[in-house]
N, C-alpha and C. Protein backbone atom coordinates (compact mmCIF):
# COMPACT_ATOMS: atom_id res chain seq x y z
N MET A 1 -4.60 -36.25 -22.33
CA MET A 1 -4.32 -34.88 -21.90
C MET A 1 -5.35 -33.94 -22.53
N ALA A 2 -5.85 -32.99 -21.74
CA ALA A 2 -6.84 -32.03 -22.21
C ALA A 2 -6.21 -31.04 -23.19
N ASP A 3 -7.04 -30.57 -24.10
CA ASP A 3 -6.58 -29.61 -25.09
C ASP A 3 -6.54 -28.20 -24.51
N ILE A 4 -5.70 -27.38 -25.12
CA ILE A 4 -5.66 -25.96 -24.77
C ILE A 4 -6.89 -25.30 -25.36
N GLN A 5 -7.61 -24.56 -24.53
CA GLN A 5 -8.76 -23.79 -24.99
C GLN A 5 -8.31 -22.34 -25.18
N SER A 6 -8.92 -21.64 -26.14
CA SER A 6 -8.55 -20.24 -26.32
C SER A 6 -9.74 -19.42 -26.80
N VAL A 7 -9.67 -18.14 -26.51
CA VAL A 7 -10.64 -17.17 -27.03
C VAL A 7 -9.85 -15.98 -27.57
N ARG A 8 -10.45 -15.33 -28.56
CA ARG A 8 -9.84 -14.13 -29.16
C ARG A 8 -10.83 -12.98 -29.05
N PHE A 9 -10.28 -11.78 -28.79
CA PHE A 9 -11.10 -10.58 -28.75
C PHE A 9 -10.21 -9.37 -28.92
N VAL A 10 -10.84 -8.23 -29.12
CA VAL A 10 -10.12 -6.97 -29.36
C VAL A 10 -10.45 -5.99 -28.24
N LEU A 11 -9.42 -5.27 -27.79
CA LEU A 11 -9.57 -4.24 -26.77
C LEU A 11 -9.03 -2.92 -27.30
N PRO A 12 -9.46 -1.82 -26.71
CA PRO A 12 -8.82 -0.55 -27.07
C PRO A 12 -7.37 -0.55 -26.61
N LEU A 13 -6.56 0.28 -27.21
CA LEU A 13 -5.16 0.42 -26.81
C LEU A 13 -5.09 1.04 -25.42
N PRO A 14 -4.31 0.46 -24.51
CA PRO A 14 -4.21 1.04 -23.17
C PRO A 14 -3.42 2.34 -23.21
N PRO A 15 -3.54 3.14 -22.17
CA PRO A 15 -2.73 4.36 -22.12
C PRO A 15 -1.26 4.02 -22.04
N GLY A 16 -0.43 4.93 -22.51
CA GLY A 16 1.02 4.74 -22.43
C GLY A 16 1.46 4.69 -20.98
N ILE A 17 2.63 4.14 -20.75
CA ILE A 17 3.14 3.94 -19.40
C ILE A 17 3.21 5.26 -18.61
N ASN A 18 3.52 6.36 -19.28
CA ASN A 18 3.62 7.65 -18.60
C ASN A 18 2.26 8.23 -18.24
N SER A 19 1.19 7.65 -18.79
CA SER A 19 -0.16 8.14 -18.51
C SER A 19 -0.95 7.21 -17.60
N GLN A 20 -0.32 6.15 -17.10
CA GLN A 20 -1.06 5.17 -16.32
C GLN A 20 -1.21 5.54 -14.85
N TYR A 21 -0.31 6.36 -14.33
CA TYR A 21 -0.34 6.72 -12.92
C TYR A 21 -0.19 8.23 -12.78
N THR A 22 -0.66 8.72 -11.65
CA THR A 22 -0.52 10.13 -11.34
C THR A 22 -0.14 10.26 -9.87
N GLN A 23 0.41 11.40 -9.50
CA GLN A 23 0.85 11.65 -8.13
C GLN A 23 -0.23 12.41 -7.38
N VAL A 24 -0.63 11.91 -6.22
CA VAL A 24 -1.56 12.61 -5.34
C VAL A 24 -0.86 12.71 -3.99
N GLY A 25 -0.37 13.89 -3.70
CA GLY A 25 0.45 14.05 -2.50
C GLY A 25 1.72 13.24 -2.69
N LYS A 26 1.98 12.33 -1.76
CA LYS A 26 3.16 11.48 -1.87
C LYS A 26 2.85 10.10 -2.45
N ARG A 27 1.59 9.89 -2.83
CA ARG A 27 1.18 8.57 -3.32
C ARG A 27 1.01 8.56 -4.84
N ARG A 28 1.38 7.42 -5.43
CA ARG A 28 1.10 7.19 -6.85
C ARG A 28 -0.21 6.45 -6.95
N VAL A 29 -1.13 6.97 -7.75
CA VAL A 29 -2.43 6.33 -7.91
C VAL A 29 -2.73 6.16 -9.40
N LEU A 30 -3.71 5.31 -9.69
CA LEU A 30 -4.12 5.12 -11.07
C LEU A 30 -4.63 6.44 -11.65
N SER A 31 -4.23 6.73 -12.87
CA SER A 31 -4.72 7.93 -13.54
C SER A 31 -6.16 7.70 -14.00
N LYS A 32 -6.83 8.77 -14.40
CA LYS A 32 -8.19 8.66 -14.94
C LYS A 32 -8.18 7.83 -16.21
N GLU A 33 -7.14 7.98 -17.03
CA GLU A 33 -7.03 7.19 -18.27
C GLU A 33 -6.90 5.70 -17.95
N HIS A 34 -6.10 5.38 -16.94
CA HIS A 34 -5.91 3.99 -16.53
C HIS A 34 -7.24 3.41 -16.06
N ALA A 35 -7.93 4.13 -15.18
CA ALA A 35 -9.21 3.66 -14.65
C ALA A 35 -10.24 3.51 -15.78
N LYS A 36 -10.24 4.43 -16.72
CA LYS A 36 -11.17 4.36 -17.86
C LYS A 36 -10.88 3.12 -18.70
N PHE A 37 -9.61 2.83 -18.94
CA PHE A 37 -9.23 1.64 -19.71
C PHE A 37 -9.72 0.38 -18.99
N LYS A 38 -9.46 0.29 -17.68
CA LYS A 38 -9.87 -0.89 -16.92
C LYS A 38 -11.39 -1.07 -16.93
N ARG A 39 -12.14 0.04 -16.83
CA ARG A 39 -13.61 -0.05 -16.91
C ARG A 39 -14.05 -0.54 -18.29
N GLY A 40 -13.37 -0.05 -19.34
CA GLY A 40 -13.69 -0.47 -20.70
C GLY A 40 -13.43 -1.96 -20.90
N VAL A 41 -12.33 -2.46 -20.34
CA VAL A 41 -12.03 -3.88 -20.43
C VAL A 41 -13.08 -4.68 -19.66
N GLN A 42 -13.45 -4.19 -18.49
CA GLN A 42 -14.48 -4.87 -17.68
C GLN A 42 -15.78 -4.99 -18.49
N ARG A 43 -16.18 -3.91 -19.16
CA ARG A 43 -17.40 -3.94 -19.97
C ARG A 43 -17.26 -4.92 -21.14
N ARG A 44 -16.10 -4.91 -21.79
CA ARG A 44 -15.87 -5.80 -22.93
C ARG A 44 -15.91 -7.26 -22.50
N ILE A 45 -15.28 -7.58 -21.38
CA ILE A 45 -15.29 -8.95 -20.86
C ILE A 45 -16.72 -9.36 -20.49
N HIS A 46 -17.45 -8.44 -19.88
CA HIS A 46 -18.85 -8.72 -19.53
C HIS A 46 -19.65 -9.05 -20.79
N ARG A 47 -19.46 -8.28 -21.85
CA ARG A 47 -20.16 -8.51 -23.12
C ARG A 47 -19.78 -9.87 -23.69
N LEU A 48 -18.50 -10.24 -23.62
CA LEU A 48 -18.04 -11.54 -24.11
C LEU A 48 -18.65 -12.67 -23.28
N ARG A 49 -18.86 -12.44 -21.99
CA ARG A 49 -19.53 -13.44 -21.13
C ARG A 49 -20.99 -13.57 -21.51
N VAL A 50 -21.66 -12.45 -21.71
CA VAL A 50 -23.09 -12.46 -22.09
C VAL A 50 -23.27 -13.17 -23.43
N ASP A 51 -22.36 -12.94 -24.36
CA ASP A 51 -22.43 -13.54 -25.70
C ASP A 51 -21.89 -14.98 -25.72
N ALA A 52 -21.48 -15.51 -24.58
CA ALA A 52 -20.96 -16.87 -24.43
C ALA A 52 -19.68 -17.11 -25.23
N VAL A 53 -18.93 -16.05 -25.52
CA VAL A 53 -17.60 -16.20 -26.11
C VAL A 53 -16.65 -16.69 -25.02
N ILE A 54 -16.79 -16.10 -23.84
CA ILE A 54 -16.06 -16.55 -22.66
C ILE A 54 -17.07 -17.22 -21.74
N THR A 55 -16.92 -18.53 -21.56
CA THR A 55 -17.88 -19.32 -20.78
C THR A 55 -17.37 -19.56 -19.36
N ASP A 56 -18.27 -20.03 -18.51
CA ASP A 56 -17.89 -20.42 -17.15
C ASP A 56 -16.85 -21.55 -17.20
N ASP A 57 -17.03 -22.48 -18.15
CA ASP A 57 -16.07 -23.58 -18.28
C ASP A 57 -14.68 -23.08 -18.65
N PHE A 58 -14.63 -22.06 -19.52
CA PHE A 58 -13.33 -21.50 -19.91
C PHE A 58 -12.66 -20.83 -18.71
N ILE A 59 -13.43 -20.08 -17.94
CA ILE A 59 -12.88 -19.42 -16.76
C ILE A 59 -12.40 -20.46 -15.75
N ALA A 60 -13.17 -21.53 -15.57
CA ALA A 60 -12.74 -22.60 -14.67
C ALA A 60 -11.43 -23.22 -15.16
N ALA A 61 -11.29 -23.39 -16.47
CA ALA A 61 -10.05 -23.93 -17.03
C ALA A 61 -8.88 -22.99 -16.77
N LEU A 62 -9.10 -21.68 -16.83
CA LEU A 62 -8.05 -20.70 -16.51
C LEU A 62 -7.65 -20.80 -15.05
N GLU A 63 -8.65 -20.96 -14.17
CA GLU A 63 -8.39 -21.01 -12.73
C GLU A 63 -7.73 -22.31 -12.30
N GLN A 64 -8.04 -23.41 -12.99
CA GLN A 64 -7.50 -24.71 -12.60
C GLN A 64 -6.18 -25.03 -13.29
N GLY A 65 -5.94 -24.41 -14.44
CA GLY A 65 -4.72 -24.67 -15.18
C GLY A 65 -3.82 -23.44 -15.17
N TRP A 66 -3.34 -23.11 -16.34
CA TRP A 66 -2.40 -22.01 -16.50
C TRP A 66 -2.88 -21.11 -17.62
N VAL A 67 -2.33 -19.92 -17.69
CA VAL A 67 -2.81 -18.92 -18.64
C VAL A 67 -1.71 -18.56 -19.63
N GLY A 68 -2.08 -18.54 -20.89
CA GLY A 68 -1.23 -18.02 -21.95
C GLY A 68 -1.86 -16.75 -22.49
N LEU A 69 -1.05 -15.76 -22.76
CA LEU A 69 -1.55 -14.46 -23.19
C LEU A 69 -0.78 -14.01 -24.42
N PHE A 70 -1.49 -13.81 -25.51
CA PHE A 70 -0.90 -13.36 -26.77
C PHE A 70 -1.49 -11.99 -27.07
N LEU A 71 -0.66 -10.97 -27.12
CA LEU A 71 -1.12 -9.60 -27.32
C LEU A 71 -0.44 -8.99 -28.54
N ASP A 72 -1.24 -8.62 -29.52
CA ASP A 72 -0.75 -7.86 -30.68
C ASP A 72 -1.19 -6.42 -30.48
N PHE A 73 -0.22 -5.55 -30.20
CA PHE A 73 -0.49 -4.13 -30.00
C PHE A 73 -0.39 -3.42 -31.35
N TYR A 74 -1.46 -2.77 -31.75
CA TYR A 74 -1.49 -1.99 -32.98
C TYR A 74 -1.38 -0.51 -32.60
N PHE A 75 -0.17 0.04 -32.76
CA PHE A 75 0.10 1.43 -32.40
C PHE A 75 -0.10 2.34 -33.60
N GLU A 76 -0.20 3.63 -33.34
CA GLU A 76 -0.34 4.62 -34.40
C GLU A 76 0.96 4.85 -35.13
N SER A 77 2.07 4.64 -34.43
CA SER A 77 3.39 4.92 -34.98
C SER A 77 4.38 3.86 -34.47
N PRO A 78 5.41 3.53 -35.26
CA PRO A 78 6.33 2.48 -34.82
C PRO A 78 7.28 2.87 -33.69
N ARG A 79 7.50 4.16 -33.46
CA ARG A 79 8.52 4.56 -32.48
C ARG A 79 8.00 5.35 -31.30
N ARG A 80 6.74 5.66 -31.28
CA ARG A 80 6.23 6.50 -30.22
C ARG A 80 6.08 5.77 -28.89
N ARG A 81 5.82 4.45 -28.92
CA ARG A 81 5.59 3.70 -27.67
C ARG A 81 6.39 2.42 -27.65
N ASP A 82 6.78 2.04 -26.42
CA ASP A 82 7.45 0.76 -26.21
C ASP A 82 6.41 -0.36 -26.25
N LEU A 83 6.81 -1.49 -26.74
CA LEU A 83 5.91 -2.63 -26.84
C LEU A 83 5.44 -3.10 -25.47
N ASP A 84 6.35 -3.20 -24.51
CA ASP A 84 6.00 -3.80 -23.23
C ASP A 84 5.28 -2.86 -22.27
N GLY A 85 5.16 -1.59 -22.61
CA GLY A 85 4.52 -0.62 -21.71
C GLY A 85 3.05 -0.91 -21.45
N GLY A 86 2.38 -1.58 -22.35
CA GLY A 86 0.96 -1.87 -22.17
C GLY A 86 0.67 -3.26 -21.63
N LEU A 87 1.73 -4.06 -21.44
CA LEU A 87 1.53 -5.44 -21.02
C LEU A 87 0.83 -5.55 -19.67
N LYS A 88 1.39 -4.98 -18.64
CA LYS A 88 0.89 -5.18 -17.27
C LYS A 88 -0.53 -4.66 -17.10
N ILE A 89 -0.81 -3.47 -17.61
CA ILE A 89 -2.15 -2.91 -17.46
C ILE A 89 -3.18 -3.76 -18.20
N THR A 90 -2.81 -4.26 -19.38
CA THR A 90 -3.73 -5.09 -20.15
C THR A 90 -3.94 -6.43 -19.47
N GLN A 91 -2.86 -7.07 -19.05
CA GLN A 91 -2.95 -8.35 -18.35
C GLN A 91 -3.80 -8.21 -17.09
N ASP A 92 -3.51 -7.22 -16.27
CA ASP A 92 -4.26 -7.02 -15.03
C ASP A 92 -5.74 -6.76 -15.30
N ALA A 93 -6.03 -5.92 -16.29
CA ALA A 93 -7.43 -5.58 -16.58
C ALA A 93 -8.21 -6.81 -17.02
N ILE A 94 -7.62 -7.63 -17.89
CA ILE A 94 -8.31 -8.83 -18.39
C ILE A 94 -8.54 -9.82 -17.25
N LEU A 95 -7.47 -10.16 -16.54
CA LEU A 95 -7.59 -11.21 -15.53
C LEU A 95 -8.40 -10.77 -14.32
N THR A 96 -8.34 -9.49 -13.96
CA THR A 96 -9.19 -8.98 -12.89
C THR A 96 -10.66 -9.08 -13.29
N ALA A 97 -10.96 -8.71 -14.52
CA ALA A 97 -12.34 -8.79 -15.01
C ALA A 97 -12.86 -10.22 -15.00
N LEU A 98 -11.96 -11.19 -15.19
CA LEU A 98 -12.36 -12.60 -15.19
C LEU A 98 -12.31 -13.23 -13.81
N GLY A 99 -11.72 -12.53 -12.84
CA GLY A 99 -11.57 -13.08 -11.50
C GLY A 99 -10.50 -14.14 -11.41
N VAL A 100 -9.48 -14.05 -12.28
CA VAL A 100 -8.40 -15.03 -12.33
C VAL A 100 -7.12 -14.36 -11.84
N ASN A 101 -6.40 -15.03 -10.94
CA ASN A 101 -5.15 -14.50 -10.41
C ASN A 101 -4.08 -14.48 -11.50
N ASP A 102 -3.38 -13.36 -11.65
CA ASP A 102 -2.39 -13.27 -12.72
C ASP A 102 -1.12 -14.08 -12.44
N ASN A 103 -1.03 -14.72 -11.27
CA ASN A 103 0.10 -15.62 -11.04
C ASN A 103 -0.06 -16.93 -11.82
N ARG A 104 -1.19 -17.12 -12.49
CA ARG A 104 -1.44 -18.29 -13.33
C ARG A 104 -0.83 -18.12 -14.72
N VAL A 105 -0.37 -16.90 -15.05
CA VAL A 105 0.20 -16.64 -16.39
C VAL A 105 1.58 -17.28 -16.49
N VAL A 106 1.74 -18.16 -17.50
CA VAL A 106 3.02 -18.84 -17.70
C VAL A 106 3.61 -18.59 -19.09
N ASP A 107 2.82 -17.99 -19.98
CA ASP A 107 3.28 -17.81 -21.36
C ASP A 107 2.73 -16.49 -21.88
N ILE A 108 3.64 -15.61 -22.32
CA ILE A 108 3.24 -14.30 -22.85
C ILE A 108 3.96 -14.08 -24.18
N HIS A 109 3.20 -13.64 -25.16
CA HIS A 109 3.76 -13.26 -26.46
C HIS A 109 3.30 -11.85 -26.78
N LEU A 110 4.23 -10.96 -27.09
CA LEU A 110 3.91 -9.59 -27.46
C LEU A 110 4.38 -9.33 -28.88
N VAL A 111 3.55 -8.63 -29.64
CA VAL A 111 3.90 -8.25 -31.01
C VAL A 111 3.54 -6.78 -31.20
N LYS A 112 4.46 -6.05 -31.82
CA LYS A 112 4.21 -4.64 -32.14
C LYS A 112 3.81 -4.56 -33.61
N ARG A 113 2.66 -3.96 -33.83
CA ARG A 113 2.17 -3.73 -35.19
C ARG A 113 1.76 -2.27 -35.30
N ILE A 114 1.54 -1.83 -36.51
CA ILE A 114 1.18 -0.42 -36.74
C ILE A 114 -0.17 -0.35 -37.45
N SER A 115 -1.03 0.51 -36.91
CA SER A 115 -2.33 0.79 -37.52
C SER A 115 -2.73 2.21 -37.15
N PRO A 116 -2.25 3.21 -37.91
CA PRO A 116 -2.53 4.61 -37.55
C PRO A 116 -4.02 4.93 -37.44
N SER A 117 -4.84 4.28 -38.24
CA SER A 117 -6.26 4.61 -38.24
C SER A 117 -7.08 3.82 -37.22
N LYS A 118 -6.53 2.72 -36.69
CA LYS A 118 -7.30 1.91 -35.75
C LYS A 118 -6.39 1.27 -34.69
N PRO A 119 -5.85 2.08 -33.76
CA PRO A 119 -5.02 1.50 -32.69
C PRO A 119 -5.88 0.59 -31.81
N ARG A 120 -5.28 -0.54 -31.37
CA ARG A 120 -6.02 -1.53 -30.60
C ARG A 120 -5.06 -2.60 -30.07
N VAL A 121 -5.62 -3.50 -29.28
CA VAL A 121 -4.89 -4.70 -28.83
C VAL A 121 -5.74 -5.90 -29.23
N GLU A 122 -5.16 -6.78 -30.01
CA GLU A 122 -5.82 -8.04 -30.33
C GLU A 122 -5.31 -9.08 -29.35
N VAL A 123 -6.23 -9.72 -28.66
CA VAL A 123 -5.91 -10.63 -27.55
C VAL A 123 -6.29 -12.06 -27.91
N GLU A 124 -5.39 -12.97 -27.62
CA GLU A 124 -5.74 -14.39 -27.58
C GLU A 124 -5.39 -14.87 -26.18
N LEU A 125 -6.39 -15.37 -25.50
CA LEU A 125 -6.25 -15.84 -24.13
C LEU A 125 -6.37 -17.36 -24.14
N GLU A 126 -5.38 -18.04 -23.59
CA GLU A 126 -5.38 -19.49 -23.59
C GLU A 126 -5.51 -20.05 -22.18
N ALA A 127 -6.30 -21.12 -22.06
CA ALA A 127 -6.36 -21.91 -20.83
C ALA A 127 -5.52 -23.16 -21.10
N ILE A 128 -4.38 -23.25 -20.43
CA ILE A 128 -3.43 -24.33 -20.63
C ILE A 128 -3.60 -25.32 -19.47
N PRO A 129 -4.04 -26.55 -19.74
CA PRO A 129 -4.35 -27.47 -18.64
C PRO A 129 -3.13 -27.93 -17.84
N THR A 130 -1.99 -28.13 -18.49
CA THR A 130 -0.80 -28.55 -17.76
C THR A 130 0.39 -27.72 -18.23
N TRP A 131 1.37 -27.59 -17.35
CA TRP A 131 2.56 -26.80 -17.68
C TRP A 131 3.77 -27.44 -17.03
N GLN A 132 4.81 -27.63 -17.78
CA GLN A 132 6.06 -28.19 -17.27
C GLN A 132 7.01 -27.03 -16.98
N PHE A 133 7.29 -26.77 -15.72
CA PHE A 133 8.17 -25.67 -15.36
C PHE A 133 9.63 -26.01 -15.63
N ASP A 134 10.04 -27.20 -15.24
CA ASP A 134 11.36 -27.72 -15.59
C ASP A 134 11.35 -29.21 -15.27
N ASP A 135 12.44 -29.88 -15.47
CA ASP A 135 12.46 -31.33 -15.30
C ASP A 135 12.23 -31.80 -13.87
N GLU A 136 12.52 -30.96 -12.89
CA GLU A 136 12.44 -31.40 -11.50
C GLU A 136 11.28 -30.81 -10.72
N TYR A 137 10.72 -29.69 -11.16
CA TYR A 137 9.70 -29.00 -10.38
C TYR A 137 8.33 -29.60 -10.62
N VAL A 138 7.63 -29.94 -9.54
CA VAL A 138 6.27 -30.45 -9.62
C VAL A 138 5.38 -29.49 -8.84
N VAL A 139 4.28 -29.08 -9.44
CA VAL A 139 3.34 -28.18 -8.77
C VAL A 139 2.48 -28.99 -7.81
N LEU A 140 2.45 -28.57 -6.56
CA LEU A 140 1.62 -29.20 -5.55
C LEU A 140 0.47 -28.25 -5.25
N ASP A 141 -0.73 -28.67 -5.59
CA ASP A 141 -1.86 -27.75 -5.48
C ASP A 141 -2.75 -27.99 -4.27
N THR A 142 -2.62 -29.11 -3.60
CA THR A 142 -3.53 -29.38 -2.49
C THR A 142 -2.76 -29.57 -1.20
N ILE A 143 -3.44 -29.41 -0.10
CA ILE A 143 -2.84 -29.59 1.22
C ILE A 143 -2.36 -31.04 1.37
N ASP A 144 -3.15 -32.01 0.87
CA ASP A 144 -2.75 -33.42 0.95
C ASP A 144 -1.44 -33.65 0.21
N ASP A 145 -1.31 -33.04 -0.98
CA ASP A 145 -0.06 -33.17 -1.74
C ASP A 145 1.12 -32.61 -0.95
N LEU A 146 0.90 -31.47 -0.28
CA LEU A 146 1.96 -30.86 0.51
C LEU A 146 2.36 -31.77 1.67
N ALA A 147 1.37 -32.36 2.33
CA ALA A 147 1.66 -33.25 3.45
C ALA A 147 2.42 -34.48 2.97
N ASP A 148 2.01 -35.04 1.82
CA ASP A 148 2.70 -36.20 1.26
C ASP A 148 4.15 -35.85 0.94
N GLU A 149 4.37 -34.68 0.37
CA GLU A 149 5.72 -34.25 0.02
C GLU A 149 6.58 -34.08 1.27
N GLU A 150 6.00 -33.50 2.33
CA GLU A 150 6.74 -33.34 3.58
C GLU A 150 7.11 -34.70 4.17
N ASP A 151 6.17 -35.67 4.13
CA ASP A 151 6.47 -37.02 4.62
C ASP A 151 7.61 -37.65 3.85
N GLU A 152 7.60 -37.50 2.53
CA GLU A 152 8.66 -38.06 1.70
C GLU A 152 10.00 -37.44 2.05
N LEU A 153 10.02 -36.13 2.27
CA LEU A 153 11.28 -35.46 2.62
C LEU A 153 11.80 -35.94 3.97
N GLU A 154 10.89 -36.12 4.94
CA GLU A 154 11.31 -36.57 6.27
C GLU A 154 11.87 -37.98 6.22
N ASN A 155 11.35 -38.82 5.32
CA ASN A 155 11.76 -40.23 5.25
C ASN A 155 12.97 -40.45 4.34
N GLU A 156 13.42 -39.42 3.63
CA GLU A 156 14.56 -39.58 2.75
C GLU A 156 15.83 -39.79 3.56
N ASP A 157 16.74 -40.57 3.00
CA ASP A 157 18.02 -40.79 3.63
C ASP A 157 18.97 -39.67 3.17
N TRP A 158 19.18 -38.68 4.02
CA TRP A 158 19.98 -37.50 3.65
C TRP A 158 21.47 -37.78 3.76
N GLU A 159 21.84 -38.90 4.33
CA GLU A 159 23.24 -39.22 4.51
C GLU A 159 23.90 -39.71 3.23
N SER A 160 23.15 -40.32 2.32
CA SER A 160 23.78 -40.93 1.14
C SER A 160 24.03 -39.96 0.03
């Protein structure tokens, strides 16, 4: 079995949930703060790619396997923000920058920490080669696998 690969990096703290969207007419759109955060993450991921911290092989492992995401949020104060408010924007920004679909995420760990002088998010991103969803569920990733599964279902004796 292949080993889990991981990379670690630091991102700026994302905007709070109340600052992530704005109303334009009847539509909710990304706020300027949200867009700025996503651009910053894009630049940071690009730098990590250039520096070979995040390699093509690692991205391929994320795309072919599953994703684990460990986020330590360092807030300025313990009560001003909810821990989970930054999860979705951070997850989306990272995986979009890598070109990886966020439906590959199977494991998330969030930790709230305090750092008044240096708010940030410390990220550990894991490429998990295999994942057991439960005792009976098997992931079918190819058309051939789907056809084989359909044939098996058609040939099963449903009467017994």
